[in-house]
Amino acid sequence: MIIGYTTGVFDLFHLGHLNLLRNAKSLCDKLIVGVSTDELVLSYKNKRPVIPFFERCEIIRNIRYVDAVISQESTNKYEVWEKLRYDIIFVGDDWYNTPRWQELDLRFKEVGVKVIYFPYTKGTSSTLLNQTLEKLRNNIS
């Protein structure tokens, strides 16, 4: 059985999120998805997600391509691998060749984990959707 793993905030769920999960599931037998906690998102984005953690987990849990949902409390993907022993990790290509992922690629190769980068959905992002909502709110008030 091939176990795949991916993570995300999955705030303001959109087509890019769905494509990631669909494509990931097509390459593994079991797909585990780590959903970032509100505290984790706040620690590196300096803002809270629009949709609360529990609700984001419920949305992801009910996507047919997802077999299991776990909370992502750290950005350390290797520590999670030590617990789950997944075979493939799926990542957006916006991380490709960044210093952090170059190092992770090497570590994962040593233990036989394949890293697959999927194209980032240009023109659609939760950040962009959130900024648009904020502008609308500001124009109304």
N, C-alpha and C. Protein backbone atom coordinates (compact mmCIF):
# COMPACT_ATOMS: atom_id res chain seq x y z
N MET A 1 0.83 -1.18 0.00
CA MET A 1 0.00 0.00 0.00
C MET A 1 0.88 1.25 0.00
N ILE A 2 0.61 2.16 -0.90
CA ILE A 2 1.36 3.41 -0.99
C ILE A 2 0.61 4.48 -0.21
N ILE A 3 1.29 5.06 0.78
CA ILE A 3 0.69 6.11 1.61
C ILE A 3 1.22 7.46 1.17
N GLY A 4 0.30 8.37 0.88
CA GLY A 4 0.65 9.73 0.49
C GLY A 4 0.29 10.69 1.59
N TYR A 5 0.99 11.82 1.61
CA TYR A 5 0.76 12.84 2.64
C TYR A 5 0.87 14.22 2.02
N THR A 6 -0.01 15.10 2.41
CA THR A 6 0.08 16.50 2.04
C THR A 6 -0.47 17.33 3.17
N THR A 7 -0.17 18.62 3.13
CA THR A 7 -0.64 19.51 4.18
C THR A 7 -1.13 20.81 3.57
N GLY A 8 -1.83 21.56 4.38
CA GLY A 8 -2.27 22.87 3.95
C GLY A 8 -3.10 23.55 5.01
N VAL A 9 -3.32 24.82 4.80
CA VAL A 9 -4.23 25.56 5.66
C VAL A 9 -5.66 25.25 5.22
N PHE A 10 -5.88 25.20 3.92
CA PHE A 10 -7.19 24.91 3.32
C PHE A 10 -8.24 25.90 3.78
N ASP A 11 -7.83 27.17 3.90
CA ASP A 11 -8.76 28.23 4.28
C ASP A 11 -9.44 28.72 3.00
N LEU A 12 -10.72 28.98 3.08
CA LEU A 12 -11.49 29.40 1.91
C LEU A 12 -11.24 28.42 0.75
N PHE A 13 -11.64 27.17 0.97
CA PHE A 13 -11.40 26.06 0.05
C PHE A 13 -11.76 26.46 -1.39
N HIS A 14 -10.85 26.14 -2.32
CA HIS A 14 -11.05 26.51 -3.73
C HIS A 14 -10.57 25.40 -4.65
N LEU A 15 -10.69 25.63 -5.94
CA LEU A 15 -10.36 24.61 -6.95
C LEU A 15 -8.91 24.14 -6.85
N GLY A 16 -7.99 25.02 -6.54
CA GLY A 16 -6.59 24.60 -6.39
C GLY A 16 -6.43 23.55 -5.30
N HIS A 17 -7.16 23.72 -4.20
CA HIS A 17 -7.12 22.72 -3.12
C HIS A 17 -7.68 21.38 -3.62
N LEU A 18 -8.82 21.46 -4.31
CA LEU A 18 -9.44 20.23 -4.82
C LEU A 18 -8.52 19.52 -5.81
N ASN A 19 -7.89 20.27 -6.70
CA ASN A 19 -6.97 19.66 -7.67
C ASN A 19 -5.80 18.99 -6.96
N LEU A 20 -5.26 19.62 -5.94
CA LEU A 20 -4.16 19.03 -5.18
C LEU A 20 -4.58 17.68 -4.60
N LEU A 21 -5.73 17.65 -3.95
CA LEU A 21 -6.18 16.41 -3.30
C LEU A 21 -6.52 15.34 -4.32
N ARG A 22 -7.17 15.71 -5.41
CA ARG A 22 -7.51 14.74 -6.47
C ARG A 22 -6.25 14.14 -7.09
N ASN A 23 -5.31 15.02 -7.44
CA ASN A 23 -4.07 14.54 -8.07
C ASN A 23 -3.25 13.69 -7.12
N ALA A 24 -3.19 14.09 -5.86
CA ALA A 24 -2.44 13.32 -4.88
C ALA A 24 -3.03 11.92 -4.72
N LYS A 25 -4.34 11.85 -4.58
CA LYS A 25 -5.00 10.55 -4.39
C LYS A 25 -4.79 9.63 -5.59
N SER A 26 -4.66 10.20 -6.78
CA SER A 26 -4.46 9.36 -7.97
C SER A 26 -3.10 8.67 -7.96
N LEU A 27 -2.19 9.12 -7.09
CA LEU A 27 -0.83 8.56 -7.05
C LEU A 27 -0.54 7.74 -5.79
N CYS A 28 -1.57 7.50 -4.98
CA CYS A 28 -1.35 6.70 -3.77
C CYS A 28 -2.63 5.93 -3.44
N ASP A 29 -2.48 4.95 -2.55
CA ASP A 29 -3.64 4.15 -2.12
C ASP A 29 -4.37 4.81 -0.95
N LYS A 30 -3.59 5.44 -0.08
CA LYS A 30 -4.16 6.10 1.10
C LYS A 30 -3.59 7.51 1.17
N LEU A 31 -4.48 8.51 1.24
CA LEU A 31 -4.04 9.90 1.32
C LEU A 31 -4.36 10.46 2.70
N ILE A 32 -3.30 10.87 3.40
CA ILE A 32 -3.43 11.52 4.70
C ILE A 32 -3.18 13.01 4.49
N VAL A 33 -4.05 13.82 5.06
CA VAL A 33 -3.94 15.27 4.90
C VAL A 33 -3.77 15.93 6.26
N GLY A 34 -2.71 16.71 6.38
CA GLY A 34 -2.49 17.51 7.58
C GLY A 34 -3.08 18.89 7.39
N VAL A 35 -3.98 19.28 8.28
CA VAL A 35 -4.60 20.60 8.23
C VAL A 35 -3.93 21.46 9.30
N SER A 36 -3.41 22.60 8.89
CA SER A 36 -2.70 23.49 9.81
C SER A 36 -3.64 24.04 10.88
N THR A 37 -3.18 23.99 12.12
CA THR A 37 -3.97 24.56 13.21
C THR A 37 -3.97 26.08 13.10
N ASP A 38 -4.95 26.70 13.73
CA ASP A 38 -5.02 28.16 13.73
C ASP A 38 -3.75 28.76 14.33
N GLU A 39 -3.24 28.14 15.39
CA GLU A 39 -2.04 28.64 16.06
C GLU A 39 -0.82 28.56 15.15
N LEU A 40 -0.69 27.48 14.41
CA LEU A 40 0.44 27.34 13.49
C LEU A 40 0.37 28.41 12.40
N VAL A 41 -0.80 28.61 11.82
CA VAL A 41 -0.96 29.62 10.77
C VAL A 41 -0.61 31.00 11.33
N LEU A 42 -1.08 31.30 12.52
CA LEU A 42 -0.79 32.59 13.15
C LEU A 42 0.71 32.77 13.35
N SER A 43 1.41 31.68 13.67
CA SER A 43 2.85 31.77 13.95
C SER A 43 3.69 32.12 12.72
N TYR A 44 3.25 31.72 11.52
CA TYR A 44 4.09 32.02 10.35
C TYR A 44 3.44 32.96 9.34
N LYS A 45 2.13 33.19 9.45
CA LYS A 45 1.48 34.13 8.54
C LYS A 45 1.04 35.41 9.28
N ASN A 46 1.17 35.38 10.60
CA ASN A 46 0.77 36.52 11.44
C ASN A 46 -0.69 36.91 11.26
N LYS A 47 -1.52 35.93 10.96
CA LYS A 47 -2.97 36.15 10.90
C LYS A 47 -3.67 34.82 11.10
N ARG A 48 -4.90 34.91 11.55
CA ARG A 48 -5.71 33.71 11.75
C ARG A 48 -6.46 33.38 10.46
N PRO A 49 -6.69 32.10 10.22
CA PRO A 49 -7.51 31.74 9.06
C PRO A 49 -8.93 32.29 9.22
N VAL A 50 -9.62 32.48 8.10
CA VAL A 50 -11.01 32.94 8.12
C VAL A 50 -11.90 31.83 8.67
N ILE A 51 -11.69 30.62 8.20
CA ILE A 51 -12.47 29.46 8.61
C ILE A 51 -11.76 28.79 9.79
N PRO A 52 -12.45 28.56 10.91
CA PRO A 52 -11.81 27.94 12.07
C PRO A 52 -11.29 26.52 11.76
N PHE A 53 -10.27 26.12 12.50
CA PHE A 53 -9.60 24.83 12.31
C PHE A 53 -10.57 23.66 12.23
N PHE A 54 -11.47 23.54 13.20
CA PHE A 54 -12.39 22.40 13.21
C PHE A 54 -13.20 22.33 11.92
N GLU A 55 -13.67 23.47 11.45
CA GLU A 55 -14.47 23.50 10.23
C GLU A 55 -13.63 23.14 9.01
N ARG A 56 -12.39 23.63 8.96
CA ARG A 56 -11.51 23.28 7.84
C ARG A 56 -11.25 21.77 7.82
N CYS A 57 -11.07 21.18 9.00
CA CYS A 57 -10.87 19.71 9.07
C CYS A 57 -12.10 18.97 8.56
N GLU A 58 -13.29 19.44 8.93
CA GLU A 58 -14.52 18.79 8.47
C GLU A 58 -14.68 18.87 6.96
N ILE A 59 -14.33 20.01 6.40
CA ILE A 59 -14.40 20.15 4.94
C ILE A 59 -13.47 19.14 4.28
N ILE A 60 -12.21 19.09 4.73
CA ILE A 60 -11.23 18.18 4.13
C ILE A 60 -11.62 16.73 4.36
N ARG A 61 -12.08 16.41 5.55
CA ARG A 61 -12.49 15.04 5.89
C ARG A 61 -13.59 14.54 4.96
N ASN A 62 -14.40 15.43 4.45
CA ASN A 62 -15.53 15.04 3.61
C ASN A 62 -15.25 15.12 2.11
N ILE A 63 -14.01 15.32 1.74
CA ILE A 63 -13.61 15.26 0.34
C ILE A 63 -13.32 13.79 0.02
N ARG A 64 -13.90 13.28 -1.04
CA ARG A 64 -13.81 11.83 -1.31
C ARG A 64 -12.39 11.32 -1.56
N TYR A 65 -11.46 12.20 -1.88
CA TYR A 65 -10.09 11.77 -2.17
C TYR A 65 -9.27 11.60 -0.89
N VAL A 66 -9.79 12.04 0.22
CA VAL A 66 -9.05 12.06 1.48
C VAL A 66 -9.44 10.86 2.33
N ASP A 67 -8.42 10.12 2.80
CA ASP A 67 -8.67 8.94 3.63
C ASP A 67 -8.55 9.24 5.12
N ALA A 68 -7.71 10.20 5.48
CA ALA A 68 -7.55 10.55 6.89
C ALA A 68 -7.08 11.99 7.01
N VAL A 69 -7.51 12.65 8.08
CA VAL A 69 -7.13 14.03 8.36
C VAL A 69 -6.45 14.07 9.72
N ILE A 70 -5.31 14.76 9.78
CA ILE A 70 -4.63 14.96 11.06
C ILE A 70 -4.36 16.46 11.22
N SER A 71 -4.13 16.86 12.45
CA SER A 71 -3.79 18.27 12.67
C SER A 71 -2.31 18.48 12.40
N GLN A 72 -2.01 19.55 11.72
CA GLN A 72 -0.61 19.92 11.48
C GLN A 72 -0.26 21.02 12.49
N GLU A 73 0.56 20.65 13.46
CA GLU A 73 0.91 21.58 14.53
C GLU A 73 2.31 22.13 14.38
N SER A 74 3.05 21.61 13.38
CA SER A 74 4.42 22.04 13.12
C SER A 74 4.64 21.97 11.61
N THR A 75 5.56 22.77 11.12
CA THR A 75 5.86 22.72 9.69
C THR A 75 6.95 21.68 9.38
N ASN A 76 7.39 20.95 10.39
CA ASN A 76 8.45 19.95 10.20
C ASN A 76 7.88 18.67 9.60
N LYS A 77 7.97 18.56 8.29
CA LYS A 77 7.41 17.40 7.57
C LYS A 77 8.16 16.10 7.87
N TYR A 78 9.45 16.23 8.20
CA TYR A 78 10.23 15.02 8.50
C TYR A 78 9.78 14.38 9.81
N GLU A 79 9.49 15.20 10.81
CA GLU A 79 8.99 14.67 12.09
C GLU A 79 7.68 13.91 11.88
N VAL A 80 6.83 14.44 11.01
CA VAL A 80 5.57 13.75 10.72
C VAL A 80 5.85 12.43 10.02
N TRP A 81 6.82 12.43 9.11
CA TRP A 81 7.18 11.18 8.43
C TRP A 81 7.64 10.13 9.45
N GLU A 82 8.39 10.55 10.46
CA GLU A 82 8.86 9.61 11.48
C GLU A 82 7.69 8.93 12.20
N LYS A 83 6.56 9.60 12.29
CA LYS A 83 5.37 9.03 12.93
C LYS A 83 4.52 8.23 11.95
N LEU A 84 4.30 8.77 10.75
CA LEU A 84 3.36 8.16 9.81
C LEU A 84 4.00 7.21 8.81
N ARG A 85 5.28 7.42 8.50
CA ARG A 85 6.01 6.61 7.52
C ARG A 85 5.33 6.59 6.16
N TYR A 86 4.95 7.76 5.67
CA TYR A 86 4.34 7.85 4.35
C TYR A 86 5.41 7.62 3.28
N ASP A 87 4.95 7.25 2.09
CA ASP A 87 5.84 6.92 0.97
C ASP A 87 6.07 8.10 0.03
N ILE A 88 5.07 8.97 -0.06
CA ILE A 88 5.11 10.12 -0.97
C ILE A 88 4.59 11.34 -0.23
N ILE A 89 5.24 12.47 -0.45
CA ILE A 89 4.71 13.73 0.05
C ILE A 89 4.42 14.62 -1.15
N PHE A 90 3.26 15.26 -1.13
CA PHE A 90 2.82 16.12 -2.22
C PHE A 90 2.90 17.57 -1.75
N VAL A 91 3.54 18.41 -2.58
CA VAL A 91 3.83 19.79 -2.22
C VAL A 91 3.54 20.69 -3.43
N GLY A 92 3.14 21.92 -3.17
CA GLY A 92 2.96 22.88 -4.25
C GLY A 92 4.31 23.28 -4.83
N ASP A 93 4.34 23.51 -6.15
CA ASP A 93 5.63 23.83 -6.79
C ASP A 93 6.15 25.21 -6.46
N ASP A 94 5.39 25.99 -5.69
CA ASP A 94 5.92 27.27 -5.21
C ASP A 94 7.04 27.04 -4.19
N TRP A 95 7.15 25.82 -3.66
CA TRP A 95 8.22 25.48 -2.72
C TRP A 95 9.44 24.87 -3.42
N TYR A 96 9.29 24.52 -4.71
CA TYR A 96 10.37 23.83 -5.42
C TYR A 96 11.64 24.68 -5.42
N ASN A 97 12.75 24.02 -5.10
CA ASN A 97 14.09 24.63 -5.10
C ASN A 97 14.29 25.71 -4.04
N THR A 98 13.39 25.80 -3.07
CA THR A 98 13.66 26.71 -1.96
C THR A 98 14.68 26.02 -1.05
N PRO A 99 15.48 26.77 -0.32
CA PRO A 99 16.50 26.14 0.53
C PRO A 99 15.91 25.09 1.48
N ARG A 100 14.77 25.39 2.07
CA ARG A 100 14.15 24.45 3.01
C ARG A 100 13.79 23.14 2.32
N TRP A 101 13.20 23.22 1.12
CA TRP A 101 12.79 22.00 0.44
C TRP A 101 13.94 21.29 -0.25
N GLN A 102 15.00 21.99 -0.60
CA GLN A 102 16.19 21.30 -1.11
C GLN A 102 16.74 20.38 -0.03
N GLU A 103 16.78 20.88 1.19
CA GLU A 103 17.26 20.07 2.31
C GLU A 103 16.31 18.91 2.60
N LEU A 104 15.01 19.18 2.61
CA LEU A 104 14.04 18.11 2.85
C LEU A 104 14.08 17.05 1.76
N ASP A 105 14.24 17.47 0.50
CA ASP A 105 14.35 16.51 -0.60
C ASP A 105 15.48 15.51 -0.34
N LEU A 106 16.62 16.02 0.10
CA LEU A 106 17.76 15.14 0.39
C LEU A 106 17.46 14.19 1.54
N ARG A 107 16.87 14.72 2.61
CA ARG A 107 16.53 13.86 3.76
C ARG A 107 15.53 12.79 3.37
N PHE A 108 14.53 13.17 2.59
CA PHE A 108 13.52 12.20 2.17
C PHE A 108 14.10 11.15 1.23
N LYS A 109 15.01 11.54 0.35
CA LYS A 109 15.65 10.56 -0.54
C LYS A 109 16.38 9.49 0.26
N GLU A 110 17.01 9.90 1.35
CA GLU A 110 17.75 8.96 2.20
C GLU A 110 16.86 7.87 2.79
N VAL A 111 15.58 8.19 2.99
CA VAL A 111 14.66 7.21 3.60
C VAL A 111 13.64 6.67 2.59
N GLY A 112 13.84 7.00 1.31
CA GLY A 112 13.00 6.44 0.26
C GLY A 112 11.65 7.11 0.06
N VAL A 113 11.49 8.34 0.54
CA VAL A 113 10.24 9.08 0.34
C VAL A 113 10.36 9.91 -0.92
N LYS A 114 9.35 9.78 -1.76
CA LYS A 114 9.32 10.53 -3.02
C LYS A 114 8.61 11.87 -2.76
N VAL A 115 9.19 12.96 -3.26
CA VAL A 115 8.58 14.28 -3.16
C VAL A 115 8.03 14.63 -4.54
N ILE A 116 6.73 14.91 -4.58
CA ILE A 116 6.09 15.29 -5.84
C ILE A 116 5.55 16.71 -5.70
N TYR A 117 5.98 17.56 -6.63
CA TYR A 117 5.55 18.95 -6.64
C TYR A 117 4.43 19.12 -7.66
N PHE A 118 3.30 19.63 -7.21
CA PHE A 118 2.18 19.91 -8.10
C PHE A 118 2.16 21.39 -8.43
N PRO A 119 1.69 21.74 -9.64
CA PRO A 119 1.63 23.16 -10.01
C PRO A 119 0.70 23.94 -9.08
N TYR A 120 1.20 25.06 -8.63
CA TYR A 120 0.41 25.98 -7.82
C TYR A 120 -0.65 26.60 -8.71
N THR A 121 -1.87 26.70 -8.22
CA THR A 121 -2.96 27.25 -9.02
C THR A 121 -2.84 28.76 -9.11
N LYS A 122 -2.38 29.22 -10.25
CA LYS A 122 -2.19 30.66 -10.44
C LYS A 122 -3.55 31.36 -10.56
N GLY A 123 -3.64 32.52 -9.97
CA GLY A 123 -4.87 33.29 -10.05
C GLY A 123 -5.89 32.97 -8.99
N THR A 124 -5.69 31.86 -8.26
CA THR A 124 -6.61 31.48 -7.19
C THR A 124 -5.80 31.12 -5.97
N SER A 125 -6.08 31.83 -4.90
CA SER A 125 -5.45 31.47 -3.63
C SER A 125 -6.34 31.98 -2.51
N SER A 126 -6.25 31.33 -1.36
CA SER A 126 -7.02 31.77 -0.21
C SER A 126 -6.61 33.18 0.19
N THR A 127 -5.32 33.49 0.05
CA THR A 127 -4.84 34.83 0.39
C THR A 127 -5.50 35.87 -0.49
N LEU A 128 -5.55 35.60 -1.79
CA LEU A 128 -6.19 36.52 -2.73
C LEU A 128 -7.69 36.65 -2.44
N LEU A 129 -8.34 35.53 -2.17
CA LEU A 129 -9.77 35.57 -1.83
C LEU A 129 -10.01 36.39 -0.56
N ASN A 130 -9.16 36.19 0.43
CA ASN A 130 -9.30 36.91 1.70
C ASN A 130 -9.07 38.41 1.49
N GLN A 131 -8.07 38.78 0.69
CA GLN A 131 -7.81 40.20 0.42
C GLN A 131 -9.00 40.85 -0.28
N THR A 132 -9.61 40.13 -1.20
CA THR A 132 -10.78 40.63 -1.91
C THR A 132 -11.94 40.84 -0.94
N LEU A 133 -12.15 39.89 -0.04
CA LEU A 133 -13.21 40.03 0.97
C LEU A 133 -12.95 41.23 1.88
N GLU A 134 -11.69 41.42 2.28
CA GLU A 134 -11.36 42.56 3.15
C GLU A 134 -11.65 43.88 2.44
N LYS A 135 -11.32 43.98 1.15
CA LYS A 135 -11.61 45.19 0.39
C LYS A 135 -13.11 45.45 0.33
N LEU A 136 -13.88 44.38 0.10
CA LEU A 136 -15.34 44.53 0.06
C LEU A 136 -15.88 44.99 1.40
N ARG A 137 -15.37 44.41 2.48
CA ARG A 137 -15.81 44.81 3.83
C ARG A 137 -15.49 46.28 4.10
N ASN A 138 -14.30 46.69 3.70
CA ASN A 138 -13.88 48.09 3.93
C ASN A 138 -14.72 49.06 3.11
N ASN A 139 -15.13 48.67 1.92
CA ASN A 139 -15.95 49.56 1.08
C ASN A 139 -17.39 49.67 1.61
N ILE A 140 -17.85 48.64 2.30
CA ILE A 140 -19.21 48.64 2.85
C ILE A 140 -19.29 49.50 4.09
N SER A 141 -18.25 49.47 4.93
CA SER A 141 -18.30 50.21 6.19
C SER A 141 -17.96 51.67 6.07
